[in-house]
Amino acid sequence: GKMKPVGVTSDERLKGIDVPTLKEQGIDVSIGNWRGIYG
């Protein structure tokens, strides 16, 4: 409860996480993050 989530940048709600998407709130934004490894 130290932070209040108000939106996620996914197209659909994340599994097991009750946070509305930005799109649900009328904000047409979706962007993902990814991580990888370089040699």
PDB file of all heavy atoms in Angstrom:
ATOM      1  N   GLY A   1       0.783  -1.233   0.000  1.00  0.00           N
ATOM      2  CA  GLY A   1       0.000   0.000   0.000  1.00  0.00           C
ATOM      3  C   GLY A   1       0.811   1.277   0.000  1.00  0.00           C
ATOM      4  O   GLY A   1       0.261   2.367   0.169  1.00  0.00           O
ATOM      5  N   LYS A   2       2.123   1.172  -0.207  1.00  0.00           N
ATOM      6  CA  LYS A   2       2.966   2.368  -0.232  1.00  0.00           C
ATOM      7  C   LYS A   2       2.917   3.076  -1.586  1.00  0.00           C
ATOM      8  O   LYS A   2       3.314   4.240  -1.702  1.00  0.00           O
ATOM      9  CB  LYS A   2       4.409   2.000   0.121  1.00  0.00           C
ATOM     10  CG  LYS A   2       4.568   1.504   1.557  1.00  0.00           C
ATOM     11  CD  LYS A   2       6.000   1.124   1.854  1.00  0.00           C
ATOM     12  CE  LYS A   2       6.140   0.626   3.293  1.00  0.00           C
ATOM     13  NZ  LYS A   2       7.541   0.215   3.591  1.00  0.00           N
ATOM     14  N   MET A   3       2.456   2.361  -2.604  1.00  0.00           N
ATOM     15  CA  MET A   3       2.258   2.936  -3.932  1.00  0.00           C
ATOM     16  C   MET A   3       0.884   2.521  -4.446  1.00  0.00           C
ATOM     17  O   MET A   3       0.443   1.398  -4.189  1.00  0.00           O
ATOM     18  CB  MET A   3       3.330   2.448  -4.919  1.00  0.00           C
ATOM     19  CG  MET A   3       4.733   2.898  -4.642  1.00  0.00           C
ATOM     20  SD  MET A   3       5.871   2.243  -5.902  1.00  0.00           S
ATOM     21  CE  MET A   3       7.443   2.866  -5.299  1.00  0.00           C
ATOM     22  N   LYS A   4       0.230   3.429  -5.168  1.00  0.00           N
ATOM     23  CA  LYS A   4      -1.077   3.124  -5.743  1.00  0.00           C
ATOM     24  C   LYS A   4      -0.947   3.017  -7.264  1.00  0.00           C
ATOM     25  O   LYS A   4      -0.640   4.005  -7.926  1.00  0.00           O
ATOM     26  CB  LYS A   4      -2.088   4.216  -5.392  1.00  0.00           C
ATOM     27  CG  LYS A   4      -3.459   4.007  -6.031  1.00  0.00           C
ATOM     28  CD  LYS A   4      -4.431   5.101  -5.632  1.00  0.00           C
ATOM     29  CE  LYS A   4      -5.759   4.982  -6.376  1.00  0.00           C
ATOM     30  NZ  LYS A   4      -6.400   3.659  -6.184  1.00  0.00           N
ATOM     31  N   PRO A   5      -1.136   1.832  -7.840  1.00  0.00           N
ATOM     32  CA  PRO A   5      -1.033   1.688  -9.296  1.00  0.00           C
ATOM     33  C   PRO A   5      -2.252   2.290  -9.990  1.00  0.00           C
ATOM     34  O   PRO A   5      -3.389   2.084  -9.568  1.00  0.00           O
ATOM     35  CB  PRO A   5      -0.987   0.168  -9.494  1.00  0.00           C
ATOM     36  CG  PRO A   5      -1.754  -0.373  -8.322  1.00  0.00           C
ATOM     37  CD  PRO A   5      -1.471   0.557  -7.174  1.00  0.00           C
ATOM     38  N   VAL A   6      -2.002   3.049 -11.059  1.00  0.00           N
ATOM     39  CA  VAL A   6      -3.124   3.714 -11.749  1.00  0.00           C
ATOM     40  C   VAL A   6      -3.186   3.401 -13.246  1.00  0.00           C
ATOM     41  O   VAL A   6      -4.071   3.886 -13.942  1.00  0.00           O
ATOM     42  CB  VAL A   6      -3.065   5.240 -11.540  1.00  0.00           C
ATOM     43  CG1 VAL A   6      -3.349   5.593 -10.089  1.00  0.00           C
ATOM     44  CG2 VAL A   6      -1.720   5.815 -11.985  1.00  0.00           C
ATOM     45  N   GLY A   7      -2.271   2.578 -13.753  1.00  0.00           N
ATOM     46  CA  GLY A   7      -2.351   2.212 -15.169  1.00  0.00           C
ATOM     47  C   GLY A   7      -1.166   1.406 -15.635  1.00  0.00           C
ATOM     48  O   GLY A   7      -0.049   1.614 -15.153  1.00  0.00           O
ATOM     49  N   VAL A   8      -1.412   0.468 -16.542  1.00  0.00           N
ATOM     50  CA  VAL A   8      -0.335  -0.308 -17.151  1.00  0.00           C
ATOM     51  C   VAL A   8      -0.330  -0.069 -18.652  1.00  0.00           C
ATOM     52  O   VAL A   8      -1.359   0.271 -19.251  1.00  0.00           O
ATOM     53  CB  VAL A   8      -0.462  -1.828 -16.868  1.00  0.00           C
ATOM     54  CG1 VAL A   8      -0.246  -2.115 -15.398  1.00  0.00           C
ATOM     55  CG2 VAL A   8      -1.807  -2.356 -17.314  1.00  0.00           C
ATOM     56  N   THR A   9       0.828  -0.255 -19.268  1.00  0.00           N
ATOM     57  CA  THR A   9       0.995   0.070 -20.686  1.00  0.00           C
ATOM     58  C   THR A   9       0.731  -1.111 -21.610  1.00  0.00           C
ATOM     59  O   THR A   9       1.144  -1.103 -22.767  1.00  0.00           O
ATOM     60  CB  THR A   9       2.416   0.612 -20.941  1.00  0.00           C
ATOM     61  OG1 THR A   9       3.370  -0.421 -20.606  1.00  0.00           O
ATOM     62  CG2 THR A   9       2.692   1.852 -20.107  1.00  0.00           C
ATOM     63  N   SER A  10       0.058  -2.130 -21.111  1.00  0.00           N
ATOM     64  CA  SER A  10      -0.256  -3.310 -21.920  1.00  0.00           C
ATOM     65  C   SER A  10      -1.584  -3.129 -22.660  1.00  0.00           C
ATOM     66  O   SER A  10      -2.382  -2.241 -22.333  1.00  0.00           O
ATOM     67  CB  SER A  10      -0.338  -4.545 -21.022  1.00  0.00           C
ATOM     68  OG  SER A  10      -1.227  -4.314 -19.946  1.00  0.00           O
ATOM     69  N   ASP A  11      -1.830  -3.974 -23.656  1.00  0.00           N
ATOM     70  CA  ASP A  11      -3.093  -3.925 -24.392  1.00  0.00           C
ATOM     71  C   ASP A  11      -4.229  -4.499 -23.561  1.00  0.00           C
ATOM     72  O   ASP A  11      -5.382  -4.070 -23.675  1.00  0.00           O
ATOM     73  CB  ASP A  11      -2.976  -4.707 -25.709  1.00  0.00           C
ATOM     74  CG  ASP A  11      -2.132  -3.970 -26.732  1.00  0.00           C
ATOM     75  OD1 ASP A  11      -2.320  -2.748 -26.891  1.00  0.00           O
ATOM     76  OD2 ASP A  11      -1.277  -4.609 -27.362  1.00  0.00           O
ATOM     77  N   GLU A  12      -3.907  -5.493 -22.728  1.00  0.00           N
ATOM     78  CA  GLU A  12      -4.901  -6.120 -21.859  1.00  0.00           C
ATOM     79  C   GLU A  12      -4.354  -6.171 -20.436  1.00  0.00           C
ATOM     80  O   GLU A  12      -3.139  -6.078 -20.227  1.00  0.00           O
ATOM     81  CB  GLU A  12      -5.208  -7.548 -22.339  1.00  0.00           C
ATOM     82  CG  GLU A  12      -5.779  -7.613 -23.752  1.00  0.00           C
ATOM     83  CD  GLU A  12      -6.000  -9.044 -24.207  1.00  0.00           C
ATOM     84  OE1 GLU A  12      -5.588  -9.967 -23.471  1.00  0.00           O
ATOM     85  OE2 GLU A  12      -6.566  -9.235 -25.293  1.00  0.00           O
ATOM     86  N   ARG A  13      -5.231  -6.305 -19.458  1.00  0.00           N
ATOM     87  CA  ARG A  13      -4.791  -6.366 -18.067  1.00  0.00           C
ATOM     88  C   ARG A  13      -3.805  -7.518 -17.865  1.00  0.00           C
ATOM     89  O   ARG A  13      -3.960  -8.582 -18.451  1.00  0.00           O
ATOM     90  CB  ARG A  13      -5.989  -6.539 -17.130  1.00  0.00           C
ATOM     91  CG  ARG A  13      -6.858  -5.299 -17.037  1.00  0.00           C
ATOM     92  CD  ARG A  13      -7.715  -5.317 -15.792  1.00  0.00           C
ATOM     93  NE  ARG A  13      -8.595  -4.162 -15.737  1.00  0.00           N
ATOM     94  CZ  ARG A  13      -9.156  -3.703 -14.623  1.00  0.00           C
ATOM     95  NH1 ARG A  13      -8.933  -4.331 -13.473  1.00  0.00           N
ATOM     96  NH2 ARG A  13      -9.938  -2.637 -14.643  1.00  0.00           N
ATOM     97  N   LEU A  14      -2.809  -7.263 -17.032  1.00  0.00           N
ATOM     98  CA  LEU A  14      -1.822  -8.290 -16.747  1.00  0.00           C
ATOM     99  C   LEU A  14      -2.431  -9.371 -15.865  1.00  0.00           C
ATOM    100  O   LEU A  14      -3.215  -9.087 -14.965  1.00  0.00           O
ATOM    101  CB  LEU A  14      -0.606  -7.672 -16.052  1.00  0.00           C
ATOM    102  CG  LEU A  14       0.107  -6.543 -16.820  1.00  0.00           C
ATOM    103  CD1 LEU A  14       1.273  -6.022 -15.995  1.00  0.00           C
ATOM    104  CD2 LEU A  14       0.579  -7.026 -18.174  1.00  0.00           C
ATOM    105  N   LYS A  15      -2.043 -10.605 -16.129  1.00  0.00           N
ATOM    106  CA  LYS A  15      -2.580 -11.743 -15.389  1.00  0.00           C
ATOM    107  C   LYS A  15      -2.282 -11.628 -13.899  1.00  0.00           C
ATOM    108  O   LYS A  15      -1.137 -11.442 -13.491  1.00  0.00           O
ATOM    109  CB  LYS A  15      -1.985 -13.045 -15.950  1.00  0.00           C
ATOM    110  CG  LYS A  15      -2.546 -14.303 -15.308  1.00  0.00           C
ATOM    111  CD  LYS A  15      -1.917 -15.541 -15.944  1.00  0.00           C
ATOM    112  CE  LYS A  15      -2.449 -16.815 -15.291  1.00  0.00           C
ATOM    113  NZ  LYS A  15      -1.814 -18.026 -15.873  1.00  0.00           N
ATOM    114  N   GLY A  16      -3.331 -11.718 -13.100  1.00  0.00           N
ATOM    115  CA  GLY A  16      -3.169 -11.701 -11.654  1.00  0.00           C
ATOM    116  C   GLY A  16      -2.900 -10.333 -11.060  1.00  0.00           C
ATOM    117  O   GLY A  16      -2.630 -10.215  -9.867  1.00  0.00           O
ATOM    118  N   ILE A  17      -2.954  -9.292 -11.891  1.00  0.00           N
ATOM    119  CA  ILE A  17      -2.670  -7.933 -11.414  1.00  0.00           C
ATOM    120  C   ILE A  17      -3.868  -7.043 -11.735  1.00  0.00           C
ATOM    121  O   ILE A  17      -4.155  -6.779 -12.904  1.00  0.00           O
ATOM    122  CB  ILE A  17      -1.391  -7.365 -12.074  1.00  0.00           C
ATOM    123  CG1 ILE A  17      -0.191  -8.272 -11.756  1.00  0.00           C
ATOM    124  CG2 ILE A  17      -1.126  -5.954 -11.608  1.00  0.00           C
ATOM    125  CD1 ILE A  17       1.064  -7.934 -12.527  1.00  0.00           C
ATOM    126  N   ASP A  18      -4.543  -6.580 -10.716  1.00  0.00           N
ATOM    127  CA  ASP A  18      -5.777  -5.823 -10.906  1.00  0.00           C
ATOM    128  C   ASP A  18      -5.482  -4.330 -11.089  1.00  0.00           C
ATOM    129  O   ASP A  18      -5.745  -3.510 -10.216  1.00  0.00           O
ATOM    130  CB  ASP A  18      -6.715  -6.035  -9.710  1.00  0.00           C
ATOM    131  CG  ASP A  18      -8.083  -5.395  -9.942  1.00  0.00           C
ATOM    132  OD1 ASP A  18      -8.461  -5.234 -11.112  1.00  0.00           O
ATOM    133  OD2 ASP A  18      -8.757  -5.058  -8.942  1.00  0.00           O
ATOM    134  N   VAL A  19      -4.893  -4.012 -12.235  1.00  0.00           N
ATOM    135  CA  VAL A  19      -4.595  -2.621 -12.575  1.00  0.00           C
ATOM    136  C   VAL A  19      -5.131  -2.351 -13.981  1.00  0.00           C
ATOM    137  O   VAL A  19      -4.829  -3.106 -14.910  1.00  0.00           O
ATOM    138  CB  VAL A  19      -3.068  -2.354 -12.547  1.00  0.00           C
ATOM    139  CG1 VAL A  19      -2.786  -0.878 -12.833  1.00  0.00           C
ATOM    140  CG2 VAL A  19      -2.472  -2.764 -11.209  1.00  0.00           C
ATOM    141  N   PRO A  20      -5.933  -1.304 -14.161  1.00  0.00           N
ATOM    142  CA  PRO A  20      -6.493  -1.033 -15.479  1.00  0.00           C
ATOM    143  C   PRO A  20      -5.430  -0.589 -16.488  1.00  0.00           C
ATOM    144  O   PRO A  20      -4.440   0.052 -16.110  1.00  0.00           O
ATOM    145  CB  PRO A  20      -7.495   0.100 -15.222  1.00  0.00           C
ATOM    146  CG  PRO A  20      -6.967   0.783 -13.997  1.00  0.00           C
ATOM    147  CD  PRO A  20      -6.368  -0.308 -13.164  1.00  0.00           C
ATOM    148  N   THR A  21      -5.616  -0.950 -17.732  1.00  0.00           N
ATOM    149  CA  THR A  21      -4.706  -0.496 -18.776  1.00  0.00           C
ATOM    150  C   THR A  21      -4.997   0.971 -19.086  1.00  0.00           C
ATOM    151  O   THR A  21      -6.062   1.505 -18.759  1.00  0.00           O
ATOM    152  CB  THR A  21      -4.887  -1.311 -20.065  1.00  0.00           C
ATOM    153  OG1 THR A  21      -6.184  -1.038 -20.612  1.00  0.00           O
ATOM    154  CG2 THR A  21      -4.755  -2.799 -19.799  1.00  0.00           C
ATOM    155  N   LEU A  22      -4.035   1.621 -19.719  1.00  0.00           N
ATOM    156  CA  LEU A  22      -4.253   3.001 -20.155  1.00  0.00           C
ATOM    157  C   LEU A  22      -5.374   3.049 -21.188  1.00  0.00           C
ATOM    158  O   LEU A  22      -6.194   3.970 -21.186  1.00  0.00           O
ATOM    159  CB  LEU A  22      -2.954   3.571 -20.728  1.00  0.00           C
ATOM    160  CG  LEU A  22      -1.798   3.751 -19.737  1.00  0.00           C
ATOM    161  CD1 LEU A  22      -0.536   4.180 -20.466  1.00  0.00           C
ATOM    162  CD2 LEU A  22      -2.156   4.752 -18.641  1.00  0.00           C
ATOM    163  N   LYS A  23      -5.405   2.038 -22.055  1.00  0.00           N
ATOM    164  CA  LYS A  23      -6.435   2.001 -23.094  1.00  0.00           C
ATOM    165  C   LYS A  23      -7.832   1.909 -22.491  1.00  0.00           C
ATOM    166  O   LYS A  23      -8.780   2.510 -23.008  1.00  0.00           O
ATOM    167  CB  LYS A  23      -6.173   0.837 -24.053  1.00  0.00           C
ATOM    168  CG  LYS A  23      -4.993   1.068 -24.987  1.00  0.00           C
ATOM    169  CD  LYS A  23      -4.927   0.024 -26.076  1.00  0.00           C
ATOM    170  CE  LYS A  23      -3.882   0.390 -27.119  1.00  0.00           C
ATOM    171  NZ  LYS A  23      -3.854  -0.567 -28.253  1.00  0.00           N
ATOM    172  N   GLU A  24      -7.976   1.150 -21.417  1.00  0.00           N
ATOM    173  CA  GLU A  24      -9.265   1.064 -20.723  1.00  0.00           C
ATOM    174  C   GLU A  24      -9.735   2.435 -20.262  1.00  0.00           C
ATOM    175  O   GLU A  24     -10.929   2.701 -20.158  1.00  0.00           O
ATOM    176  CB  GLU A  24      -9.136   0.178 -19.471  1.00  0.00           C
ATOM    177  CG  GLU A  24      -9.244  -1.304 -19.687  1.00  0.00           C
ATOM    178  CD  GLU A  24      -9.163  -2.026 -18.354  1.00  0.00           C
ATOM    179  OE1 GLU A  24     -10.108  -1.882 -17.549  1.00  0.00           O
ATOM    180  OE2 GLU A  24      -8.164  -2.710 -18.104  1.00  0.00           O
ATOM    181  N   GLN A  25      -8.769   3.301 -19.978  1.00  0.00           N
ATOM    182  CA  GLN A  25      -9.078   4.617 -19.429  1.00  0.00           C
ATOM    183  C   GLN A  25      -9.151   5.691 -20.512  1.00  0.00           C
ATOM    184  O   GLN A  25      -9.126   6.891 -20.212  1.00  0.00           O
ATOM    185  CB  GLN A  25      -8.024   4.978 -18.375  1.00  0.00           C
ATOM    186  CG  GLN A  25      -7.948   3.954 -17.245  1.00  0.00           C
ATOM    187  CD  GLN A  25      -6.855   4.274 -16.247  1.00  0.00           C
ATOM    188  OE1 GLN A  25      -6.951   5.240 -15.490  1.00  0.00           O
ATOM    189  NE2 GLN A  25      -5.805   3.461 -16.225  1.00  0.00           N
ATOM    190  N   GLY A  26      -9.231   5.237 -21.759  1.00  0.00           N
ATOM    191  CA  GLY A  26      -9.390   6.177 -22.867  1.00  0.00           C
ATOM    192  C   GLY A  26      -8.104   6.813 -23.343  1.00  0.00           C
ATOM    193  O   GLY A  26      -8.135   7.797 -24.086  1.00  0.00           O
ATOM    194  N   ILE A  27      -6.964   6.269 -22.909  1.00  0.00           N
ATOM    195  CA  ILE A  27      -5.658   6.793 -23.338  1.00  0.00           C
ATOM    196  C   ILE A  27      -5.032   5.765 -24.274  1.00  0.00           C
ATOM    197  O   ILE A  27      -4.611   4.694 -23.825  1.00  0.00           O
ATOM    198  CB  ILE A  27      -4.744   7.051 -22.124  1.00  0.00           C
ATOM    199  CG1 ILE A  27      -5.432   7.986 -21.127  1.00  0.00           C
ATOM    200  CG2 ILE A  27      -3.409   7.637 -22.569  1.00  0.00           C
ATOM    201  CD1 ILE A  27      -4.719   8.085 -19.793  1.00  0.00           C
ATOM    202  N   ASP A  28      -4.972   6.055 -25.537  1.00  0.00           N
ATOM    203  CA  ASP A  28      -4.553   5.075 -26.540  1.00  0.00           C
ATOM    204  C   ASP A  28      -3.031   4.934 -26.574  1.00  0.00           C
ATOM    205  O   ASP A  28      -2.360   5.403 -27.497  1.00  0.00           O
ATOM    206  CB  ASP A  28      -5.089   5.484 -27.919  1.00  0.00           C
ATOM    207  CG  ASP A  28      -4.880   4.377 -28.952  1.00  0.00           C
ATOM    208  OD1 ASP A  28      -4.626   3.229 -28.545  1.00  0.00           O
ATOM    209  OD2 ASP A  28      -4.962   4.672 -30.167  1.00  0.00           O
ATOM    210  N   VAL A  29      -2.495   4.294 -25.548  1.00  0.00           N
ATOM    211  CA  VAL A  29      -1.053   4.094 -25.417  1.00  0.00           C
ATOM    212  C   VAL A  29      -0.775   2.654 -25.018  1.00  0.00           C
ATOM    213  O   VAL A  29      -1.381   2.132 -24.074  1.00  0.00           O
ATOM    214  CB  VAL A  29      -0.441   5.052 -24.367  1.00  0.00           C
ATOM    215  CG1 VAL A  29       1.000   4.653 -24.054  1.00  0.00           C
ATOM    216  CG2 VAL A  29      -0.490   6.487 -24.859  1.00  0.00           C
ATOM    217  N   SER A  30       0.130   2.016 -25.731  1.00  0.00           N
ATOM    218  CA  SER A  30       0.580   0.672 -25.398  1.00  0.00           C
ATOM    219  C   SER A  30       2.048   0.566 -25.773  1.00  0.00           C
ATOM    220  O   SER A  30       2.430   0.855 -26.914  1.00  0.00           O
ATOM    221  CB  SER A  30      -0.232  -0.378 -26.163  1.00  0.00           C
ATOM    222  OG  SER A  30       0.292  -1.677 -25.924  1.00  0.00           O
ATOM    223  N   ILE A  31       2.879   0.194 -24.816  1.00  0.00           N
ATOM    224  CA  ILE A  31       4.311   0.040 -25.092  1.00  0.00           C
ATOM    225  C   ILE A  31       4.890  -0.980 -24.118  1.00  0.00           C
ATOM    226  O   ILE A  31       4.592  -0.963 -22.927  1.00  0.00           O
ATOM    227  CB  ILE A  31       5.061   1.394 -24.983  1.00  0.00           C
ATOM    228  CG1 ILE A  31       6.552   1.208 -25.302  1.00  0.00           C
ATOM    229  CG2 ILE A  31       4.855   2.044 -23.630  1.00  0.00           C
ATOM    230  CD1 ILE A  31       7.315   2.521 -25.422  1.00  0.00           C
ATOM    231  N   GLY A  32       5.694  -1.894 -24.631  1.00  0.00           N
ATOM    232  CA  GLY A  32       6.278  -2.941 -23.806  1.00  0.00           C
ATOM    233  C   GLY A  32       7.762  -2.740 -23.578  1.00  0.00           C
ATOM    234  O   GLY A  32       8.421  -1.975 -24.290  1.00  0.00           O
ATOM    235  N   ASN A  33       8.271  -3.410 -22.584  1.00  0.00           N
ATOM    236  CA  ASN A  33       9.688  -3.402 -22.271  1.00  0.00           C
ATOM    237  C   ASN A  33      10.220  -4.821 -22.458  1.00  0.00           C
ATOM    238  O   ASN A  33       9.472  -5.776 -22.320  1.00  0.00           O
ATOM    239  CB  ASN A  33       9.898  -2.944 -20.825  1.00  0.00           C
ATOM    240  CG  ASN A  33      11.340  -2.592 -20.522  1.00  0.00           C
ATOM    241  OD1 ASN A  33      12.195  -2.604 -21.396  1.00  0.00           O
ATOM    242  ND2 ASN A  33      11.623  -2.279 -19.280  1.00  0.00           N
ATOM    243  N   TRP A  34      11.456  -4.970 -22.781  1.00  0.00           N
ATOM    244  CA  TRP A  34      12.069  -6.293 -22.893  1.00  0.00           C
ATOM    245  C   TRP A  34      13.518  -6.185 -22.436  1.00  0.00           C
ATOM    246  O   TRP A  34      14.098  -5.099 -22.454  1.00  0.00           O
ATOM    247  CB  TRP A  34      11.986  -6.842 -24.322  1.00  0.00           C
ATOM    248  CG  TRP A  34      12.580  -5.934 -25.360  1.00  0.00           C
ATOM    249  CD1 TRP A  34      11.914  -4.987 -26.106  1.00  0.00           C
ATOM    250  CD2 TRP A  34      13.960  -5.854 -25.775  1.00  0.00           C
ATOM    251  NE1 TRP A  34      12.796  -4.330 -26.934  1.00  0.00           N
ATOM    252  CE2 TRP A  34      14.052  -4.850 -26.760  1.00  0.00           C
ATOM    253  CE3 TRP A  34      15.113  -6.545 -25.404  1.00  0.00           C
ATOM    254  CZ2 TRP A  34      15.257  -4.497 -27.371  1.00  0.00           C
ATOM    255  CZ3 TRP A  34      16.324  -6.210 -26.003  1.00  0.00           C
ATOM    256  CH2 TRP A  34      16.366  -5.195 -26.982  1.00  0.00           C
ATOM    257  N   ARG A  35      14.077  -7.317 -22.049  1.00  0.00           N
ATOM    258  CA  ARG A  35      15.470  -7.341 -21.598  1.00  0.00           C
ATOM    259  C   ARG A  35      16.200  -8.506 -22.237  1.00  0.00           C
ATOM    260  O   ARG A  35      15.617  -9.561 -22.479  1.00  0.00           O
ATOM    261  CB  ARG A  35      15.528  -7.450 -20.072  1.00  0.00           C
ATOM    262  CG  ARG A  35      14.885  -6.250 -19.371  1.00  0.00           C
ATOM    263  CD  ARG A  35      15.086  -6.258 -17.874  1.00  0.00           C
ATOM    264  NE  ARG A  35      14.405  -5.105 -17.286  1.00  0.00           N
ATOM    265  CZ  ARG A  35      13.301  -5.168 -16.574  1.00  0.00           C
ATOM    266  NH1 ARG A  35      12.740  -6.350 -16.344  1.00  0.00           N
ATOM    267  NH2 ARG A  35      12.747  -4.079 -16.086  1.00  0.00           N
ATOM    268  N   GLY A  36      17.470  -8.291 -22.513  1.00  0.00           N
ATOM    269  CA  GLY A  36      18.259  -9.329 -23.168  1.00  0.00           C
ATOM    270  C   GLY A  36      19.693  -9.333 -22.674  1.00  0.00           C
ATOM    271  O   GLY A  36      20.065  -8.618 -21.744  1.00  0.00           O
ATOM    272  N   ILE A  37      20.504 -10.165 -23.321  1.00  0.00           N
ATOM    273  CA  ILE A  37      21.907 -10.331 -22.951  1.00  0.00           C
ATOM    274  C   ILE A  37      22.784 -10.206 -24.195  1.00  0.00           C
ATOM    275  O   ILE A  37      22.473 -10.779 -25.241  1.00  0.00           O
ATOM    276  CB  ILE A  37      22.152 -11.719 -22.317  1.00  0.00           C
ATOM    277  CG1 ILE A  37      21.377 -11.880 -21.010  1.00  0.00           C
ATOM    278  CG2 ILE A  37      23.646 -11.960 -22.082  1.00  0.00           C
ATOM    279  CD1 ILE A  37      21.965 -11.164 -19.820  1.00  0.00           C
ATOM    280  N   TYR A  38      23.858  -9.452 -24.057  1.00  0.00           N
ATOM    281  CA  TYR A  38      24.868  -9.339 -25.111  1.00  0.00           C
ATOM    282  C   TYR A  38      26.178  -9.942 -24.634  1.00  0.00           C
ATOM    283  O   TYR A  38      26.457  -9.972 -23.430  1.00  0.00           O
ATOM    284  CB  TYR A  38      25.102  -7.871 -25.478  1.00  0.00           C
ATOM    285  CG  TYR A  38      24.302  -7.384 -26.680  1.00  0.00           C
ATOM    286  CD1 TYR A  38      22.923  -7.501 -26.707  1.00  0.00           C
ATOM    287  CD2 TYR A  38      24.928  -6.823 -27.774  1.00  0.00           C
ATOM    288  CE1 TYR A  38      22.189  -7.054 -27.797  1.00  0.00           C
ATOM    289  CE2 TYR A  38      24.207  -6.368 -28.875  1.00  0.00           C
ATOM    290  CZ  TYR A  38      22.842  -6.488 -28.883  1.00  0.00           C
ATOM    291  OH  TYR A  38      22.124  -6.052 -29.970  1.00  0.00           O
ATOM    292  N   GLY A  39      26.973 -10.408 -25.600  1.00  0.00           N
ATOM    293  CA  GLY A  39      28.314 -10.876 -25.321  1.00  0.00           C
ATOM    294  C   GLY A  39      29.325  -9.823 -25.727  1.00  0.00           C
ATOM    295  O   GLY A  39      28.983  -8.779 -26.294  1.00  0.00           O
TER     296      GLY A  39
END
